[in-house]
Amino acid sequence: MTDTQYPDNRITRENSALVLVDHQLGLILGVHDQDQEQLRRNVVSLAGFATAYDIPVVITTSADDGPNGDLLPELSRLLPDATLIRRPGEIDAFDNQDFEAAIRATGRSHLIIAGISTDVCVTFAALSAISRGYHAHAVLDASGTWSALASQSAAARMQTAGVVLNSTVAVAAELQRDWRNPGGAELAAVFSDSALPFYGSLVSFATR
């Protein structure tokens, strides 16, 4: 879908699914468009938000028995019940029938997508999602690739196709919507632990 008007089509806990593509130990070593550890923290934060808000998660890996490496252990630990699709070769995750079926099974219309690499696995999945009628949000700071130029080109391509470019913190804020809603305390904890480490100091200062 290319209708990305806010607030009519904002992401909510009821309409969204989290899609994590190829966050693998080998692939993250090749990320050079942003800090690798910050990327890790942001992905962990997305996992925390999904858990707090009871959002379905579909994880997919590519050739994880080869050089791409295993799934990041933090994700295995935080999302033990997430659907995991191991792709034997497909580059666009939607070319894998099991993956497409898993996405369809969530029953959600808005896909929050992050992965490695931004210009290939994230872009292809997001474009395929749009072509199938989903709303797609690409979380750029929880994704990474080999160069800043590749990341910029991917962002332009996705945005032209109707993909919403988003960030980890903005996704959480849009899902929370109001700090008084359930999940506010959990969101603040995730901010403090991973997404925004300074936030813990802010909370301590405000509640001293």
Protein backbone atom coordinates (compact mmCIF):
# COMPACT_ATOMS: atom_id res chain seq x y z
CA MET A 1 0.00 0.00 0.00
CA THR A 2 1.18 3.51 -0.74
CA ASP A 3 -1.30 5.28 1.55
CA THR A 4 1.03 6.31 4.35
CA GLN A 5 -0.96 9.19 5.78
CA TYR A 6 -0.53 9.80 9.52
CA PRO A 7 -2.46 9.45 11.77
CA ASP A 8 -5.06 7.48 9.79
CA ASN A 9 -2.63 4.64 9.10
CA ARG A 10 -0.43 4.76 12.17
CA ILE A 11 1.03 1.53 13.49
CA THR A 12 -0.76 0.08 16.50
CA ARG A 13 -0.37 -2.94 18.75
CA GLU A 14 -3.37 -4.50 17.03
CA ASN A 15 -2.38 -4.03 13.37
CA SER A 16 1.39 -4.57 13.42
CA ALA A 17 3.87 -7.40 13.17
CA LEU A 18 7.64 -7.18 13.62
CA VAL A 19 9.78 -8.71 10.85
CA LEU A 20 13.49 -9.25 11.51
CA VAL A 21 15.55 -10.24 8.48
CA ASP A 22 19.06 -11.71 8.69
CA HIS A 23 20.26 -10.24 11.98
CA GLN A 24 23.10 -12.75 12.00
CA LEU A 25 26.50 -12.85 13.66
CA GLY A 26 28.46 -13.02 10.42
CA LEU A 27 26.50 -10.39 8.56
CA ILE A 28 26.63 -7.79 11.31
CA LEU A 29 30.42 -7.75 11.01
CA GLY A 30 30.03 -6.21 7.56
CA VAL A 31 27.87 -3.30 8.71
CA HIS A 32 29.74 -0.03 8.19
CA ASP A 33 27.06 2.59 7.71
CA GLN A 34 26.45 2.82 11.46
CA ASP A 35 27.85 1.58 14.74
CA GLN A 36 27.39 -2.18 15.03
CA GLU A 37 26.73 -2.14 18.76
CA GLN A 38 24.11 0.58 18.40
CA LEU A 39 22.43 -1.55 15.76
CA ARG A 40 22.44 -4.47 18.21
CA ARG A 41 20.88 -2.31 20.93
CA ASN A 42 18.17 -1.10 18.57
CA VAL A 43 17.28 -4.61 17.45
CA VAL A 44 17.14 -5.74 21.07
CA SER A 45 14.88 -2.76 21.75
CA LEU A 46 12.50 -3.78 18.95
CA ALA A 47 12.36 -7.25 20.48
CA GLY A 48 11.57 -5.68 23.87
CA PHE A 49 8.79 -3.55 22.42
CA ALA A 50 7.26 -6.53 20.63
CA THR A 51 7.26 -8.51 23.87
CA ALA A 52 5.79 -5.67 25.92
CA TYR A 53 3.05 -4.99 23.39
CA ASP A 54 2.35 -8.63 22.49
CA ILE A 55 3.13 -8.02 18.82
CA PRO A 56 3.74 -11.10 16.66
CA VAL A 57 7.30 -11.52 15.42
CA VAL A 58 8.57 -13.30 12.32
CA ILE A 59 12.32 -13.84 12.16
CA THR A 60 14.11 -15.10 9.08
CA THR A 61 17.73 -16.06 8.51
CA SER A 62 19.73 -16.77 5.38
CA ALA A 63 22.19 -19.68 5.18
CA ASP A 64 22.74 -19.60 8.93
CA ASP A 65 24.78 -22.78 8.76
CA GLY A 66 27.39 -20.98 6.63
CA PRO A 67 29.32 -17.70 6.71
CA ASN A 68 26.26 -15.59 7.49
CA GLY A 69 26.31 -17.10 10.95
CA ASP A 70 23.74 -17.79 13.63
CA LEU A 71 20.94 -15.46 14.64
CA LEU A 72 22.06 -12.86 17.17
CA PRO A 73 21.87 -14.66 20.53
CA GLU A 74 19.99 -11.78 22.13
CA LEU A 75 17.11 -12.35 19.74
CA SER A 76 17.04 -16.08 20.40
CA ARG A 77 16.88 -15.35 24.12
CA LEU A 78 14.32 -12.54 24.02
CA LEU A 79 12.02 -14.03 21.38
CA PRO A 80 11.98 -17.79 22.03
CA ASP A 81 8.43 -18.15 20.70
CA ALA A 82 8.87 -16.10 17.53
CA THR A 83 8.32 -17.82 14.21
CA LEU A 84 11.73 -18.55 12.67
CA ILE A 85 12.06 -19.18 8.94
CA ARG A 86 15.46 -20.41 7.77
CA ARG A 87 15.81 -19.50 4.09
CA PRO A 88 18.08 -21.86 2.15
CA GLY A 89 18.82 -19.37 -0.62
CA GLU A 90 16.11 -16.82 -1.32
CA ILE A 91 17.36 -13.24 -1.12
CA ASP A 92 13.95 -11.59 -1.03
CA ALA A 93 12.35 -13.25 2.00
CA PHE A 94 8.95 -13.09 0.33
CA ASP A 95 10.22 -15.49 -2.34
CA ASN A 96 10.23 -18.12 0.40
CA GLN A 97 6.76 -19.65 0.66
CA ASP A 98 7.09 -20.47 4.35
CA PHE A 99 8.02 -16.89 5.13
CA GLU A 100 5.12 -15.47 3.17
CA ALA A 101 2.77 -17.90 4.89
CA ALA A 102 4.13 -16.90 8.30
CA ILE A 103 3.54 -13.22 7.55
CA ARG A 104 0.02 -13.94 6.34
CA ALA A 105 -0.66 -16.01 9.46
CA THR A 106 -0.03 -13.02 11.72
CA GLY A 107 -3.18 -11.43 10.36
CA ARG A 108 -1.52 -8.03 10.59
CA SER A 109 -1.61 -5.31 7.93
CA HIS A 110 1.40 -3.24 9.03
CA LEU A 111 4.87 -4.76 8.91
CA ILE A 112 7.71 -3.22 10.93
CA ILE A 113 10.80 -4.44 9.08
CA ALA A 114 14.49 -4.32 10.05
CA GLY A 115 17.47 -6.33 8.95
CA ILE A 116 20.85 -6.75 7.32
CA SER A 117 21.44 -5.53 4.75
CA THR A 118 19.35 -2.41 4.35
CA ASP A 119 19.79 -2.17 0.59
CA VAL A 120 19.07 -5.84 -0.14
CA CYS A 121 17.17 -7.90 2.40
CA VAL A 122 15.26 -5.03 4.02
CA THR A 123 14.53 -3.21 0.77
CA PHE A 124 13.40 -6.29 -1.13
CA ALA A 125 11.15 -7.46 1.72
CA ALA A 126 9.65 -4.00 2.15
CA LEU A 127 8.99 -3.57 -1.58
CA SER A 128 7.44 -7.03 -1.77
CA ALA A 129 5.28 -6.24 1.26
CA ILE A 130 4.00 -3.08 -0.44
CA SER A 131 3.25 -5.00 -3.64
CA ARG A 132 1.17 -7.49 -1.62
CA GLY A 133 -0.94 -4.79 -0.02
CA TYR A 134 0.78 -4.40 3.35
CA HIS A 135 1.85 -1.17 4.95
CA ALA A 136 5.62 -1.38 5.46
CA HIS A 137 7.82 0.52 7.89
CA ALA A 138 11.58 0.15 7.44
CA VAL A 139 13.42 0.73 10.73
CA LEU A 140 16.68 2.15 9.45
CA ASP A 141 18.60 2.40 12.71
CA ALA A 142 17.91 -1.29 13.43
CA SER A 143 19.21 -2.19 9.99
CA GLY A 144 22.64 -1.89 8.46
CA THR A 145 24.68 -2.34 5.34
CA TRP A 146 28.14 -2.08 3.89
CA SER A 147 28.25 1.65 3.07
CA ALA A 148 26.41 4.88 3.78
CA LEU A 149 25.80 5.40 0.08
CA ALA A 150 24.09 2.02 -0.21
CA SER A 151 21.89 2.86 2.78
CA GLN A 152 20.93 6.24 1.36
CA SER A 153 20.09 4.76 -2.03
CA ALA A 154 17.97 2.07 -0.40
CA ALA A 155 16.07 4.64 1.68
CA ALA A 156 15.29 6.67 -1.42
CA ARG A 157 14.11 3.60 -3.32
CA MET A 158 11.86 2.43 -0.48
CA GLN A 159 10.38 5.84 0.18
CA THR A 160 9.52 6.28 -3.49
CA ALA A 161 7.65 2.97 -3.38
CA GLY A 162 5.59 4.02 -0.35
CA VAL A 163 7.60 2.43 2.46
CA VAL A 164 7.61 4.51 5.64
CA LEU A 165 11.15 5.20 6.85
CA ASN A 166 11.22 4.94 10.61
CA SER A 167 13.45 4.66 13.67
CA THR A 168 13.44 2.39 16.69
CA VAL A 169 12.35 5.06 19.17
CA ALA A 170 9.70 6.48 16.82
CA VAL A 171 8.22 3.01 16.31
CA ALA A 172 7.97 2.54 20.08
CA ALA A 173 6.41 5.95 20.62
CA GLU A 174 3.86 5.36 17.88
CA LEU A 175 2.90 2.01 19.40
CA GLN A 176 2.70 3.46 22.93
CA ARG A 177 0.79 6.54 21.79
CA ASP A 178 0.18 7.75 25.35
CA TRP A 179 2.50 7.20 28.31
CA ARG A 180 -0.59 6.49 30.43
CA ASN A 181 -1.49 3.47 28.30
CA PRO A 182 -0.42 0.01 29.49
CA GLY A 183 3.21 -0.65 28.59
CA GLY A 184 4.56 2.78 29.50
CA ALA A 185 6.75 1.43 32.30
CA GLU A 186 8.04 -1.35 30.07
CA LEU A 187 8.80 1.16 27.31
CA ALA A 188 10.75 3.36 29.72
CA ALA A 189 12.75 0.32 30.84
CA VAL A 190 13.63 -0.63 27.26
CA PHE A 191 14.63 2.95 26.52
CA SER A 192 16.90 2.95 29.57
CA ASP A 193 18.40 -0.48 28.93
CA SER A 194 19.09 -0.30 25.22
CA ALA A 195 17.42 2.20 22.90
CA LEU A 196 18.27 5.39 24.83
CA PRO A 197 20.73 4.62 27.63
CA PHE A 198 20.69 8.24 28.78
CA TYR A 199 17.00 7.85 29.54
CA GLY A 200 17.75 5.92 32.73
CA SER A 201 19.62 8.92 34.09
CA LEU A 202 16.76 11.18 33.03
CA VAL A 203 14.23 9.05 34.89
CA SER A 204 16.43 8.93 37.97
CA PHE A 205 16.79 12.71 37.90
CA ALA A 206 13.04 13.26 37.44
CA THR A 207 12.08 10.89 40.27
CA ARG A 208 14.81 11.80 42.77
